[in-house]
Amino acid sequence: MISGLEAREKFRHSIKEAFAEVVGKRKGHLEVAAAAIGSSRQSLEQYAAGTVPRADVLLAAFIIWEMVIRIEDPSRNSCHSFGQSTT
């Protein structure tokens, strides 16, 4: 089982990867993408670089972009997913 500190680090890394993916897909349209979740283009790029977003921005990304964050626990051979459920 992973520790709380390890889980937090994995969560931060997953958030960074998810925002980096969004930035990569929406190059040239970052201002529109950022506005959709109540943020700025500069902030979106900072989140992709590893800055942790505000909770309201993260929640908006979960809802509007259907972002999913995954944390793998190799010791239990499992994965925990966080995001908006479609079921």
N, C-alpha and C. Protein backbone atom coordinates (compact mmCIF):
# COMPACT_ATOMS: atom_id res chain seq x y z
N MET A 1 0.85 -1.18 0.00
CA MET A 1 0.00 0.00 0.00
C MET A 1 0.89 1.24 0.00
N ILE A 2 0.51 2.23 -0.81
CA ILE A 2 1.32 3.44 -0.87
C ILE A 2 0.99 4.36 0.29
N SER A 3 1.98 5.14 0.70
CA SER A 3 1.78 6.08 1.81
C SER A 3 1.03 7.31 1.32
N GLY A 4 0.56 8.11 2.26
CA GLY A 4 -0.15 9.34 1.92
C GLY A 4 0.74 10.30 1.14
N LEU A 5 2.00 10.42 1.55
CA LEU A 5 2.94 11.30 0.87
C LEU A 5 3.19 10.81 -0.55
N GLU A 6 3.37 9.51 -0.70
CA GLU A 6 3.60 8.93 -2.03
C GLU A 6 2.37 9.13 -2.92
N ALA A 7 1.18 8.95 -2.36
CA ALA A 7 -0.06 9.14 -3.12
C ALA A 7 -0.18 10.60 -3.57
N ARG A 8 0.16 11.53 -2.70
CA ARG A 8 0.09 12.95 -3.05
C ARG A 8 1.05 13.29 -4.18
N GLU A 9 2.26 12.75 -4.13
CA GLU A 9 3.23 12.98 -5.20
C GLU A 9 2.75 12.38 -6.52
N LYS A 10 2.19 11.18 -6.46
CA LYS A 10 1.67 10.54 -7.67
C LYS A 10 0.48 11.33 -8.23
N PHE A 11 -0.35 11.87 -7.34
CA PHE A 11 -1.50 12.67 -7.77
C PHE A 11 -1.02 13.94 -8.47
N ARG A 12 -0.03 14.61 -7.89
CA ARG A 12 0.53 15.82 -8.51
C ARG A 12 1.11 15.51 -9.88
N HIS A 13 1.84 14.41 -9.98
CA HIS A 13 2.43 14.02 -11.26
C HIS A 13 1.34 13.74 -12.29
N SER A 14 0.27 13.07 -11.88
CA SER A 14 -0.83 12.77 -12.80
C SER A 14 -1.54 14.04 -13.27
N ILE A 15 -1.70 15.00 -12.37
CA ILE A 15 -2.31 16.28 -12.74
C ILE A 15 -1.43 16.98 -13.77
N LYS A 16 -0.13 17.00 -13.52
CA LYS A 16 0.80 17.62 -14.46
C LYS A 16 0.69 16.97 -15.83
N GLU A 17 0.68 15.64 -15.87
CA GLU A 17 0.58 14.93 -17.15
C GLU A 17 -0.74 15.24 -17.86
N ALA A 18 -1.83 15.29 -17.11
CA ALA A 18 -3.14 15.56 -17.71
C ALA A 18 -3.19 16.96 -18.32
N PHE A 19 -2.67 17.95 -17.60
CA PHE A 19 -2.66 19.31 -18.14
C PHE A 19 -1.67 19.43 -19.30
N ALA A 20 -0.55 18.73 -19.24
CA ALA A 20 0.41 18.74 -20.36
C ALA A 20 -0.24 18.17 -21.61
N GLU A 21 -1.05 17.14 -21.44
CA GLU A 21 -1.77 16.56 -22.58
C GLU A 21 -2.75 17.57 -23.18
N VAL A 22 -3.48 18.27 -22.33
CA VAL A 22 -4.42 19.29 -22.81
C VAL A 22 -3.68 20.40 -23.55
N VAL A 23 -2.58 20.88 -22.97
CA VAL A 23 -1.80 21.95 -23.60
C VAL A 23 -1.27 21.47 -24.95
N GLY A 24 -0.80 20.24 -25.01
CA GLY A 24 -0.29 19.70 -26.26
C GLY A 24 -1.35 19.60 -27.34
N LYS A 25 -2.55 19.20 -26.95
CA LYS A 25 -3.65 19.05 -27.91
C LYS A 25 -4.23 20.38 -28.37
N ARG A 26 -4.15 21.39 -27.52
CA ARG A 26 -4.84 22.66 -27.80
C ARG A 26 -3.90 23.82 -28.07
N LYS A 27 -2.68 23.52 -28.49
CA LYS A 27 -1.74 24.59 -28.84
C LYS A 27 -2.40 25.49 -29.87
N GLY A 28 -2.26 26.79 -29.69
CA GLY A 28 -2.89 27.75 -30.58
C GLY A 28 -4.29 28.14 -30.14
N HIS A 29 -4.86 27.38 -29.21
CA HIS A 29 -6.21 27.65 -28.71
C HIS A 29 -6.23 27.62 -27.18
N LEU A 30 -5.09 27.88 -26.56
CA LEU A 30 -5.00 27.79 -25.10
C LEU A 30 -5.86 28.81 -24.39
N GLU A 31 -6.01 30.00 -24.95
CA GLU A 31 -6.82 31.03 -24.29
C GLU A 31 -8.27 30.57 -24.17
N VAL A 32 -8.79 29.96 -25.22
CA VAL A 32 -10.17 29.45 -25.21
C VAL A 32 -10.29 28.30 -24.23
N ALA A 33 -9.32 27.39 -24.26
CA ALA A 33 -9.33 26.23 -23.35
C ALA A 33 -9.26 26.69 -21.89
N ALA A 34 -8.39 27.65 -21.62
CA ALA A 34 -8.24 28.16 -20.26
C ALA A 34 -9.51 28.85 -19.79
N ALA A 35 -10.12 29.65 -20.66
CA ALA A 35 -11.35 30.36 -20.29
C ALA A 35 -12.47 29.38 -19.97
N ALA A 36 -12.48 28.23 -20.64
CA ALA A 36 -13.53 27.24 -20.40
C ALA A 36 -13.51 26.72 -18.97
N ILE A 37 -12.33 26.73 -18.33
CA ILE A 37 -12.25 26.24 -16.95
C ILE A 37 -11.96 27.37 -15.96
N GLY A 38 -12.12 28.61 -16.40
CA GLY A 38 -11.95 29.75 -15.49
C GLY A 38 -10.51 30.05 -15.14
N SER A 39 -9.63 29.88 -16.09
CA SER A 39 -8.21 30.09 -15.85
C SER A 39 -7.64 30.98 -16.95
N SER A 40 -6.32 31.15 -16.96
CA SER A 40 -5.66 31.93 -18.01
C SER A 40 -4.73 31.01 -18.80
N ARG A 41 -4.33 31.47 -19.97
CA ARG A 41 -3.41 30.69 -20.80
C ARG A 41 -2.10 30.44 -20.05
N GLN A 42 -1.59 31.48 -19.41
CA GLN A 42 -0.34 31.37 -18.67
C GLN A 42 -0.46 30.34 -17.54
N SER A 43 -1.57 30.38 -16.82
CA SER A 43 -1.78 29.41 -15.74
C SER A 43 -1.85 27.99 -16.28
N LEU A 44 -2.53 27.81 -17.40
CA LEU A 44 -2.65 26.49 -18.01
C LEU A 44 -1.26 25.93 -18.34
N GLU A 45 -0.40 26.77 -18.87
CA GLU A 45 0.97 26.33 -19.17
C GLU A 45 1.74 26.02 -17.89
N GLN A 46 1.49 26.78 -16.83
CA GLN A 46 2.16 26.51 -15.55
C GLN A 46 1.69 25.18 -14.96
N TYR A 47 0.40 24.87 -15.09
CA TYR A 47 -0.11 23.59 -14.59
C TYR A 47 0.54 22.44 -15.35
N ALA A 48 0.72 22.63 -16.66
CA ALA A 48 1.36 21.60 -17.48
C ALA A 48 2.83 21.42 -17.11
N ALA A 49 3.43 22.48 -16.54
CA ALA A 49 4.83 22.42 -16.11
C ALA A 49 4.98 21.88 -14.69
N GLY A 50 3.86 21.70 -13.98
CA GLY A 50 3.93 21.10 -12.65
C GLY A 50 3.36 21.90 -11.51
N THR A 51 2.93 23.14 -11.76
CA THR A 51 2.28 23.92 -10.71
C THR A 51 0.91 23.31 -10.43
N VAL A 52 0.58 23.14 -9.16
CA VAL A 52 -0.71 22.53 -8.81
C VAL A 52 -1.83 23.56 -9.00
N PRO A 53 -2.87 23.21 -9.76
CA PRO A 53 -3.97 24.16 -10.00
C PRO A 53 -4.83 24.34 -8.76
N ARG A 54 -5.54 25.47 -8.73
CA ARG A 54 -6.52 25.70 -7.66
C ARG A 54 -7.59 24.62 -7.75
N ALA A 55 -8.24 24.37 -6.64
CA ALA A 55 -9.26 23.31 -6.58
C ALA A 55 -10.41 23.57 -7.54
N ASP A 56 -10.84 24.84 -7.68
CA ASP A 56 -11.95 25.13 -8.59
C ASP A 56 -11.57 24.89 -10.05
N VAL A 57 -10.33 25.15 -10.40
CA VAL A 57 -9.85 24.91 -11.76
C VAL A 57 -9.78 23.41 -12.02
N LEU A 58 -9.27 22.67 -11.05
CA LEU A 58 -9.19 21.22 -11.19
C LEU A 58 -10.58 20.60 -11.31
N LEU A 59 -11.50 21.06 -10.49
CA LEU A 59 -12.88 20.55 -10.56
C LEU A 59 -13.50 20.87 -11.92
N ALA A 60 -13.28 22.08 -12.42
CA ALA A 60 -13.80 22.45 -13.74
C ALA A 60 -13.20 21.57 -14.82
N ALA A 61 -11.90 21.27 -14.72
CA ALA A 61 -11.25 20.40 -15.71
C ALA A 61 -11.86 19.00 -15.67
N PHE A 62 -12.15 18.50 -14.46
CA PHE A 62 -12.80 17.18 -14.34
C PHE A 62 -14.16 17.19 -15.04
N ILE A 63 -14.93 18.25 -14.82
CA ILE A 63 -16.30 18.31 -15.34
C ILE A 63 -16.34 18.68 -16.82
N ILE A 64 -15.68 19.77 -17.20
CA ILE A 64 -15.80 20.29 -18.57
C ILE A 64 -14.99 19.46 -19.57
N TRP A 65 -13.76 19.09 -19.20
CA TRP A 65 -12.91 18.35 -20.11
C TRP A 65 -13.00 16.84 -19.88
N GLU A 66 -13.77 16.43 -18.85
CA GLU A 66 -13.87 15.02 -18.47
C GLU A 66 -12.49 14.43 -18.19
N MET A 67 -11.66 15.26 -17.55
CA MET A 67 -10.30 14.85 -17.19
C MET A 67 -10.35 13.73 -16.15
N VAL A 68 -9.48 12.77 -16.29
CA VAL A 68 -9.37 11.67 -15.34
C VAL A 68 -7.92 11.59 -14.87
N ILE A 69 -7.73 11.50 -13.57
CA ILE A 69 -6.41 11.37 -12.97
C ILE A 69 -6.30 9.95 -12.43
N ARG A 70 -5.18 9.30 -12.73
CA ARG A 70 -4.98 7.92 -12.28
C ARG A 70 -3.73 7.82 -11.41
N ILE A 71 -3.86 7.07 -10.32
CA ILE A 71 -2.72 6.80 -9.46
C ILE A 71 -2.57 5.29 -9.37
N GLU A 72 -1.41 4.81 -9.81
CA GLU A 72 -1.15 3.38 -9.77
C GLU A 72 -0.46 3.00 -8.47
N ASP A 73 -0.87 1.87 -7.94
CA ASP A 73 -0.27 1.32 -6.72
C ASP A 73 0.34 -0.03 -7.09
N PRO A 74 1.62 -0.05 -7.49
CA PRO A 74 2.23 -1.30 -7.94
C PRO A 74 2.28 -2.38 -6.86
N SER A 75 2.33 -1.99 -5.60
CA SER A 75 2.40 -2.99 -4.53
C SER A 75 1.11 -3.80 -4.43
N ARG A 76 0.00 -3.22 -4.87
CA ARG A 76 -1.29 -3.93 -4.82
C ARG A 76 -1.78 -4.26 -6.23
N ASN A 77 -0.96 -3.91 -7.23
CA ASN A 77 -1.33 -4.15 -8.62
C ASN A 77 -2.70 -3.54 -8.93
N SER A 78 -2.88 -2.28 -8.50
CA SER A 78 -4.17 -1.62 -8.71
C SER A 78 -3.96 -0.18 -9.17
N CYS A 79 -5.04 0.42 -9.63
CA CYS A 79 -5.03 1.80 -10.10
C CYS A 79 -6.27 2.50 -9.55
N HIS A 80 -6.07 3.70 -9.03
CA HIS A 80 -7.17 4.51 -8.52
C HIS A 80 -7.41 5.64 -9.50
N SER A 81 -8.66 5.84 -9.91
CA SER A 81 -9.00 6.89 -10.87
C SER A 81 -9.89 7.94 -10.22
N PHE A 82 -9.64 9.19 -10.57
CA PHE A 82 -10.41 10.31 -10.06
C PHE A 82 -10.90 11.14 -11.23
N GLY A 83 -12.16 11.48 -11.24
CA GLY A 83 -12.73 12.28 -12.32
C GLY A 83 -14.22 12.14 -12.31
N GLN A 84 -14.83 12.68 -13.33
CA GLN A 84 -16.28 12.62 -13.46
C GLN A 84 -16.68 11.23 -13.97
N SER A 85 -17.58 10.59 -13.26
CA SER A 85 -18.05 9.28 -13.66
C SER A 85 -19.11 9.41 -14.75
N THR A 86 -19.05 8.55 -15.74
CA THR A 86 -20.04 8.59 -16.82
C THR A 86 -21.12 7.54 -16.61
N THR A 87 -21.04 6.80 -15.53
CA THR A 87 -22.05 5.77 -15.29
C THR A 87 -23.01 6.17 -14.21
